[in-house]
Amino acid sequence: MDKFVQYWEHISSAHRLLYLLGGMVLFWIAEGYYPLFKHDYRRYRHAGINLIFLFTTVVLNLIFGLATLGVCHLVTVHKIGLINWLPMPVWLVIPVGLLLGDLFSQYIPHYIMHKVKWMWKFHMVHHSDTHVDVTTGTRHHPGEWVFREAARQVQLWRDRFDPRFQISVNKSPVQFHSAHKSRQGWFDFLAALALPGNSIVVEITEGLLLNADPGVADHLLALSDAGIGVSLDDFGTGYSALSSLKLLPFDRLKIDRSFVQDLQHDADARALCRAIIAMGRSLNMEIIAEGVETYEQLAFLREEGCDEMQGYLIGAPMSADEMAMELSAHTKGVLARMHAVGMPVVGKS
């Protein structure tokens, strides 16, 4: 154990770099042979871009690292600091040191980068990876990337197919911890693409409302004020109180698939769906049913006044390219029918 501790206490910079690059290369090669997901992109180019970002941040980390070494030397010489003040065995010193080191060297600087505007603009470089593999570990926050990719896609499809096109984005509860920066970044990005707020709908789950603080309500209200739709996902299975529907600016309710899948043989499921639809319509909300897989389910929900359907009967999950092909085929079919009945065609074809 002592030799192990001594090695890591005096580890050379070359060894540190070797472990970092060696581990990344090893898993990158393994991922090439056994990928969890297959992406159509240039792996070497993608890895090169990420490594460039990695090495540019090494320069900044070196500066802060030298400052950290100075502080560590001061602490060691003068015997100050929690670890020096409290007698602890080696096995306890290691986790305590790691936790405190992560707090002061990672969390606090990262928090500051999210709060200082010019730092945030620079930090956004790390939020923009368009593919995910081992080298993505040099970047962060996939939730922000998902929003930006969705916004770019809806801009493309609005220009190409229909100016009313809209995409829904699931928002993780974790993203509400930095809600102000997140929403302002979203507003700025939509403005840069000349997109209205109603081009995006944000979906949240009921679990977020279980321990919701005032910051969550403020965040949702800000999204609504900007014209962005707010949808409550998986309604009926979580912890939301009916008061939340009154106090928070929800535009849509999504009926959970667990109710929809039992519609054909469960009278209680039919009654619950009717109640949710009636309640939502009385509150001027759009109602969306999840997990629609049979024509019988579709017919029942239509008859009860459900606004939109989602499920394999409507369409299976697909990539953006596959969706574009479907939309192109649909558009051509609509135009053909309009020509056949002599209706005028206005706009892009």
Protein backbone atom coordinates (compact mmCIF):
# COMPACT_ATOMS: atom_id res chain seq x y z
CA MET A 1 0.00 0.00 0.00
CA ASP A 2 2.85 2.40 0.84
CA LYS A 3 4.52 1.82 -2.54
CA PHE A 4 1.18 2.40 -4.26
CA VAL A 5 0.71 5.69 -2.39
CA GLN A 6 4.30 6.79 -3.09
CA TYR A 7 3.92 6.09 -6.80
CA TRP A 8 0.84 8.28 -7.12
CA GLU A 9 2.35 10.96 -4.89
CA HIS A 10 5.38 11.31 -7.19
CA ILE A 11 3.87 10.27 -10.51
CA SER A 12 5.56 12.03 -13.41
CA SER A 13 3.74 14.17 -15.95
CA ALA A 14 4.77 11.70 -18.66
CA HIS A 15 3.03 8.86 -16.82
CA ARG A 16 -0.09 10.96 -16.34
CA LEU A 17 -0.23 11.76 -20.03
CA LEU A 18 0.44 8.12 -20.90
CA TYR A 19 -2.47 6.90 -18.75
CA LEU A 20 -4.83 9.51 -20.23
CA LEU A 21 -4.00 8.91 -23.87
CA GLY A 22 -3.47 5.18 -23.47
CA GLY A 23 -6.87 4.67 -21.87
CA MET A 24 -8.60 6.84 -24.46
CA VAL A 25 -6.92 5.08 -27.40
CA LEU A 26 -7.59 1.64 -25.93
CA PHE A 27 -11.32 2.26 -25.49
CA TRP A 28 -11.55 4.13 -28.81
CA ILE A 29 -10.14 1.07 -30.61
CA ALA A 30 -12.42 -1.28 -28.66
CA GLU A 31 -15.39 0.92 -29.50
CA GLY A 32 -14.50 0.62 -33.19
CA TYR A 33 -14.81 -3.17 -33.01
CA TYR A 34 -17.71 -3.38 -30.56
CA PRO A 35 -19.71 -0.12 -30.84
CA LEU A 36 -22.76 0.42 -28.67
CA PHE A 37 -24.15 2.65 -31.42
CA LYS A 38 -23.21 3.00 -35.07
CA HIS A 39 -22.80 6.53 -36.42
CA ASP A 40 -22.14 7.56 -39.99
CA TYR A 41 -19.20 9.92 -39.48
CA ARG A 42 -15.44 10.09 -39.90
CA ARG A 43 -14.06 8.67 -36.67
CA TYR A 44 -10.49 9.86 -37.17
CA ARG A 45 -11.54 13.40 -38.03
CA HIS A 46 -13.95 13.48 -35.10
CA ALA A 47 -11.30 12.21 -32.69
CA GLY A 48 -8.77 14.72 -34.08
CA ILE A 49 -11.10 17.66 -33.43
CA ASN A 50 -11.73 16.53 -29.88
CA LEU A 51 -8.03 15.99 -29.21
CA ILE A 52 -7.30 19.51 -30.47
CA PHE A 53 -9.78 20.83 -27.93
CA LEU A 54 -8.16 18.64 -25.31
CA PHE A 55 -4.66 19.95 -25.95
CA THR A 56 -5.77 23.59 -26.08
CA THR A 57 -7.33 23.20 -22.66
CA VAL A 58 -4.10 21.59 -21.45
CA VAL A 59 -2.46 25.01 -21.75
CA LEU A 60 -5.04 26.61 -19.48
CA ASN A 61 -4.96 23.64 -17.13
CA LEU A 62 -1.18 23.96 -16.94
CA ILE A 63 -1.47 27.55 -15.76
CA PHE A 64 -4.04 26.67 -13.11
CA GLY A 65 -2.10 23.51 -12.29
CA LEU A 66 1.02 25.51 -11.46
CA ALA A 67 -1.07 27.71 -9.19
CA THR A 68 -2.49 24.58 -7.55
CA LEU A 69 1.02 23.19 -7.00
CA GLY A 70 1.99 26.44 -5.31
CA VAL A 71 -0.96 26.18 -2.96
CA CYS A 72 -0.18 22.51 -2.24
CA HIS A 73 3.44 23.40 -1.44
CA LEU A 74 2.28 26.15 0.91
CA VAL A 75 -0.13 23.78 2.66
CA THR A 76 2.52 21.08 3.04
CA VAL A 77 5.23 23.38 4.38
CA HIS A 78 3.01 25.14 6.89
CA LYS A 79 0.94 22.06 7.80
CA ILE A 80 -2.41 23.72 7.21
CA GLY A 81 -5.58 22.32 5.74
CA LEU A 82 -8.17 19.76 6.81
CA ILE A 83 -6.02 16.70 6.06
CA ASN A 84 -3.13 18.07 8.14
CA TRP A 85 -5.33 19.18 11.00
CA LEU A 86 -7.30 15.95 11.38
CA PRO A 87 -5.31 12.74 11.98
CA MET A 88 -6.58 10.14 9.50
CA PRO A 89 -5.30 6.78 8.24
CA VAL A 90 -4.04 6.56 4.67
CA TRP A 91 -7.14 4.70 3.46
CA LEU A 92 -9.28 7.66 4.59
CA VAL A 93 -6.92 10.39 3.44
CA ILE A 94 -7.22 9.21 -0.20
CA PRO A 95 -11.05 9.51 -0.60
CA VAL A 96 -11.22 12.71 1.46
CA GLY A 97 -8.45 14.24 -0.62
CA LEU A 98 -10.13 13.21 -3.86
CA LEU A 99 -13.48 14.66 -2.80
CA LEU A 100 -12.00 17.97 -1.65
CA GLY A 101 -9.72 18.14 -4.67
CA ASP A 102 -12.65 17.61 -7.02
CA LEU A 103 -14.66 20.29 -5.22
CA PHE A 104 -11.99 22.99 -5.48
CA SER A 105 -10.30 22.02 -8.74
CA GLN A 106 -13.32 20.90 -10.80
CA TYR A 107 -16.74 21.85 -9.43
CA ILE A 108 -16.05 25.43 -8.34
CA PRO A 109 -14.16 26.44 -11.53
CA HIS A 110 -16.87 24.78 -13.63
CA TYR A 111 -19.56 26.64 -11.69
CA ILE A 112 -17.76 29.94 -12.26
CA MET A 113 -17.53 29.24 -15.99
CA HIS A 114 -21.31 28.90 -16.07
CA LYS A 115 -21.84 32.19 -14.21
CA VAL A 116 -19.34 34.55 -15.88
CA LYS A 117 -20.63 35.48 -19.35
CA TRP A 118 -17.34 35.62 -21.27
CA MET A 119 -16.20 32.37 -19.69
CA TRP A 120 -19.52 30.77 -20.64
CA LYS A 121 -19.10 31.76 -24.30
CA PHE A 122 -15.71 30.07 -24.34
CA HIS A 123 -16.95 27.08 -22.37
CA MET A 124 -19.75 26.44 -24.88
CA VAL A 125 -17.14 24.92 -27.20
CA HIS A 126 -17.27 21.87 -24.93
CA HIS A 127 -21.04 21.60 -25.34
CA SER A 128 -21.17 21.07 -29.08
CA ASP A 129 -20.02 17.56 -30.00
CA THR A 130 -22.26 16.22 -32.77
CA HIS A 131 -21.28 12.55 -32.27
CA VAL A 132 -20.67 10.50 -29.16
CA ASP A 133 -17.72 8.18 -28.66
CA VAL A 134 -14.86 7.79 -26.19
CA THR A 135 -13.26 11.09 -27.25
CA THR A 136 -16.47 12.90 -26.33
CA GLY A 137 -15.19 12.63 -22.76
CA THR A 138 -13.24 15.80 -23.52
CA ARG A 139 -16.55 17.62 -23.87
CA HIS A 140 -19.63 17.90 -21.65
CA HIS A 141 -23.38 18.42 -21.30
CA PRO A 142 -25.12 16.29 -23.94
CA GLY A 143 -28.45 17.85 -22.96
CA GLU A 144 -27.39 21.21 -24.34
CA TRP A 145 -26.11 19.57 -27.52
CA VAL A 146 -29.47 17.79 -28.00
CA PHE A 147 -31.31 21.11 -27.83
CA ARG A 148 -29.03 22.80 -30.36
CA GLU A 149 -29.23 19.86 -32.77
CA ALA A 150 -33.03 19.83 -32.46
CA ALA A 151 -33.16 23.56 -33.17
CA ARG A 152 -30.94 23.23 -36.24
CA GLN A 153 -33.07 20.34 -37.49
CA VAL A 154 -36.37 22.15 -37.02
CA GLN A 155 -34.96 25.17 -38.84
CA LEU A 156 -34.01 22.94 -41.79
CA TRP A 157 -37.37 21.20 -41.88
CA ARG A 158 -39.34 24.43 -41.52
CA ASP A 159 -37.53 25.85 -44.55
CA ARG A 160 -37.87 22.65 -46.56
CA PHE A 161 -41.27 21.24 -45.61
CA ASP A 162 -43.55 23.38 -43.45
CA PRO A 163 -43.02 26.65 -41.51
CA ARG A 164 -45.15 25.23 -38.68
CA PHE A 165 -42.79 22.33 -38.01
CA GLN A 166 -42.10 21.70 -34.32
CA ILE A 167 -39.77 19.39 -32.37
CA SER A 168 -40.10 18.26 -28.76
CA VAL A 169 -37.04 18.04 -26.53
CA ASN A 170 -36.87 16.16 -23.23
CA LYS A 171 -35.27 18.28 -20.51
CA SER A 172 -33.39 16.43 -17.79
CA PRO A 173 -34.03 17.43 -14.14
CA VAL A 174 -30.26 17.92 -13.84
CA GLN A 175 -30.46 20.80 -16.33
CA PHE A 176 -32.70 22.74 -13.96
CA HIS A 177 -29.77 23.12 -11.53
CA SER A 178 -28.28 25.72 -13.91
CA ALA A 179 -31.65 26.81 -15.23
CA HIS A 180 -30.94 30.52 -15.84
CA LYS A 181 -27.85 29.93 -17.98
CA SER A 182 -29.54 27.07 -19.77
CA ARG A 183 -32.66 28.96 -20.78
CA GLN A 184 -30.81 32.13 -21.76
CA GLY A 185 -28.50 30.06 -23.93
CA TRP A 186 -31.57 28.46 -25.55
CA PHE A 187 -33.19 31.83 -26.22
CA ASP A 188 -29.99 33.20 -27.74
CA PHE A 189 -29.56 30.13 -29.93
CA LEU A 190 -33.13 30.29 -31.25
CA ALA A 191 -32.67 34.00 -31.96
CA ALA A 192 -29.44 33.29 -33.86
CA LEU A 193 -31.33 30.81 -36.06
CA ALA A 194 -34.25 33.25 -36.48
CA LEU A 195 -36.60 30.63 -35.00
CA PRO A 196 -39.71 31.51 -33.00
CA GLY A 197 -40.19 29.97 -29.58
CA ASN A 198 -43.07 27.81 -30.77
CA SER A 199 -40.68 25.80 -32.95
CA ILE A 200 -39.63 23.92 -29.78
CA VAL A 201 -41.60 22.10 -27.10
CA VAL A 202 -39.86 21.17 -23.84
CA GLU A 203 -41.02 17.94 -22.21
CA ILE A 204 -40.51 17.29 -18.50
CA THR A 205 -41.45 14.25 -16.45
CA GLU A 206 -43.69 14.20 -13.42
CA GLY A 207 -40.77 13.17 -11.22
CA LEU A 208 -39.32 16.67 -11.56
CA LEU A 209 -42.37 18.07 -9.76
CA LEU A 210 -41.87 15.86 -6.70
CA ASN A 211 -39.22 18.14 -5.18
CA ALA A 212 -39.75 21.15 -7.38
CA ASP A 213 -38.45 24.42 -5.97
CA PRO A 214 -39.47 27.95 -7.03
CA GLY A 215 -36.59 27.96 -9.52
CA VAL A 216 -38.31 25.23 -11.56
CA ALA A 217 -41.52 27.26 -11.79
CA ASP A 218 -39.57 30.39 -12.77
CA HIS A 219 -37.73 28.43 -15.45
CA LEU A 220 -40.92 26.98 -16.94
CA LEU A 221 -42.61 30.38 -16.88
CA ALA A 222 -39.64 31.93 -18.69
CA LEU A 223 -39.83 29.23 -21.38
CA SER A 224 -43.56 29.82 -21.77
CA ASP A 225 -43.11 33.60 -21.95
CA ALA A 226 -40.61 33.06 -24.78
CA GLY A 227 -43.26 31.10 -26.69
CA ILE A 228 -41.64 27.70 -26.09
CA GLY A 229 -44.20 25.00 -25.41
CA VAL A 230 -44.10 23.10 -22.12
CA SER A 231 -45.35 19.51 -22.02
CA LEU A 232 -45.88 17.21 -19.02
CA ASP A 233 -44.68 13.75 -20.03
CA ASP A 234 -45.95 10.37 -18.77
CA PHE A 235 -48.92 11.99 -17.05
CA GLY A 236 -50.67 9.77 -14.54
CA THR A 237 -47.74 7.61 -13.46
CA GLY A 238 -45.67 9.97 -11.31
CA TYR A 239 -46.08 12.37 -8.45
CA SER A 240 -47.65 15.52 -9.86
CA ALA A 241 -50.46 17.17 -7.95
CA LEU A 242 -53.38 18.66 -9.83
CA SER A 243 -52.34 22.03 -8.42
CA SER A 244 -49.23 21.85 -10.62
CA LEU A 245 -51.44 21.93 -13.72
CA LYS A 246 -52.93 25.17 -12.45
CA LEU A 247 -49.76 26.88 -11.24
CA LEU A 248 -47.29 25.83 -13.95
CA PRO A 249 -47.59 26.86 -17.62
CA PHE A 250 -48.18 23.48 -19.24
CA ASP A 251 -49.47 23.57 -22.80
CA ARG A 252 -49.72 19.80 -23.25
CA LEU A 253 -50.37 16.61 -21.35
CA LYS A 254 -48.99 13.30 -22.58
CA ILE A 255 -51.01 10.25 -21.54
CA ASP A 256 -48.61 7.51 -20.47
CA ARG A 257 -48.42 4.41 -22.65
CA SER A 258 -49.38 2.18 -19.69
CA PHE A 259 -52.95 3.50 -19.95
CA VAL A 260 -53.07 3.39 -23.75
CA GLN A 261 -51.85 -0.21 -24.12
CA ASP A 262 -54.74 -1.51 -21.98
CA LEU A 263 -57.54 0.40 -23.72
CA GLN A 264 -58.93 -2.60 -25.58
CA HIS A 265 -59.47 -4.85 -22.58
CA ASP A 266 -59.49 -2.61 -19.49
CA ALA A 267 -62.52 -0.44 -18.69
CA ASP A 268 -60.56 1.42 -16.00
CA ALA A 269 -57.87 2.39 -18.50
CA ARG A 270 -60.56 3.74 -20.85
CA ALA A 271 -62.15 5.70 -18.00
CA LEU A 272 -58.79 7.18 -16.97
CA CYS A 273 -57.99 8.20 -20.54
CA ARG A 274 -61.40 9.87 -20.87
CA ALA A 275 -60.84 11.72 -17.59
CA ILE A 276 -57.36 12.93 -18.56
CA ILE A 277 -58.57 14.10 -21.98
CA ALA A 278 -61.58 15.90 -20.49
CA MET A 279 -59.45 17.55 -17.79
CA GLY A 280 -56.80 18.66 -20.25
CA ARG A 281 -59.31 20.12 -22.69
CA SER A 282 -61.05 22.02 -19.89
CA LEU A 283 -57.66 23.57 -19.05
CA ASN A 284 -57.07 24.44 -22.73
CA MET A 285 -54.22 21.96 -23.08
CA GLU A 286 -53.41 19.76 -26.02
CA ILE A 287 -53.59 16.05 -25.25
CA ILE A 288 -51.07 13.58 -26.69
CA ALA A 289 -51.36 9.82 -26.29
CA GLU A 290 -48.15 7.78 -26.12
CA GLY A 291 -47.69 4.19 -27.22
CA VAL A 292 -50.46 3.97 -29.84
CA GLU A 293 -49.89 0.64 -31.58
CA THR A 294 -53.28 -0.55 -32.84
CA TYR A 295 -56.07 0.93 -34.94
CA GLU A 296 -58.52 0.20 -32.12
CA GLN A 297 -56.52 2.42 -29.75
CA LEU A 298 -56.31 5.11 -32.41
CA ALA A 299 -60.06 5.03 -33.07
CA PHE A 300 -60.93 5.26 -29.35
CA LEU A 301 -58.58 8.19 -28.73
CA ARG A 302 -59.84 10.05 -31.78
CA GLU A 303 -63.42 9.56 -30.72
CA GLU A 304 -62.63 10.91 -27.22
CA GLY A 305 -61.00 14.03 -28.68
CA CYS A 306 -57.30 13.32 -28.20
CA ASP A 307 -55.34 15.89 -30.24
CA GLU A 308 -52.19 13.97 -31.21
CA MET A 309 -50.92 10.37 -31.19
CA GLN A 310 -47.48 8.93 -30.75
CA GLY A 311 -46.43 5.32 -31.21
CA TYR A 312 -45.35 2.60 -33.62
CA LEU A 313 -48.68 2.72 -35.44
CA ILE A 314 -47.88 6.31 -36.42
CA GLY A 315 -44.17 5.80 -36.99
CA ALA A 316 -41.19 3.99 -35.51
CA PRO A 317 -38.16 5.89 -34.16
CA MET A 318 -35.93 6.98 -37.04
CA SER A 319 -32.90 9.08 -37.80
CA ALA A 320 -33.13 12.63 -39.13
CA ASP A 321 -32.23 11.46 -42.65
CA GLU A 322 -34.92 8.77 -42.56
CA MET A 323 -37.44 11.33 -41.31
CA ALA A 324 -36.53 13.70 -44.14
CA MET A 325 -37.14 10.92 -46.66
CA GLU A 326 -40.55 10.20 -45.11
CA LEU A 327 -41.47 13.88 -45.18
CA SER A 328 -40.32 14.22 -48.79
CA ALA A 329 -42.43 11.24 -49.84
CA HIS A 330 -45.43 12.59 -47.94
CA THR A 331 -45.03 16.06 -49.47
CA LYS A 332 -44.83 14.63 -52.99
CA GLY A 333 -47.95 12.56 -52.34
CA VAL A 334 -49.90 15.59 -51.09
CA LEU A 335 -48.82 17.70 -54.09
CA ALA A 336 -49.80 14.91 -56.48
CA ARG A 337 -53.29 14.71 -54.94
CA MET A 338 -53.65 18.53 -55.14
CA HIS A 339 -52.70 18.51 -58.82
CA ALA A 340 -55.11 15.64 -59.47
CA VAL A 341 -58.10 17.58 -58.12
CA GLY A 342 -57.01 20.89 -59.69
CA MET A 343 -56.08 22.71 -56.46
CA PRO A 344 -53.53 25.54 -56.78
CA VAL A 345 -50.10 24.79 -55.29
CA VAL A 346 -48.38 27.68 -53.50
CA GLY A 347 -44.92 27.56 -51.91
CA LYS A 348 -41.96 25.23 -52.19
CA SER A 349 -42.22 21.89 -53.93
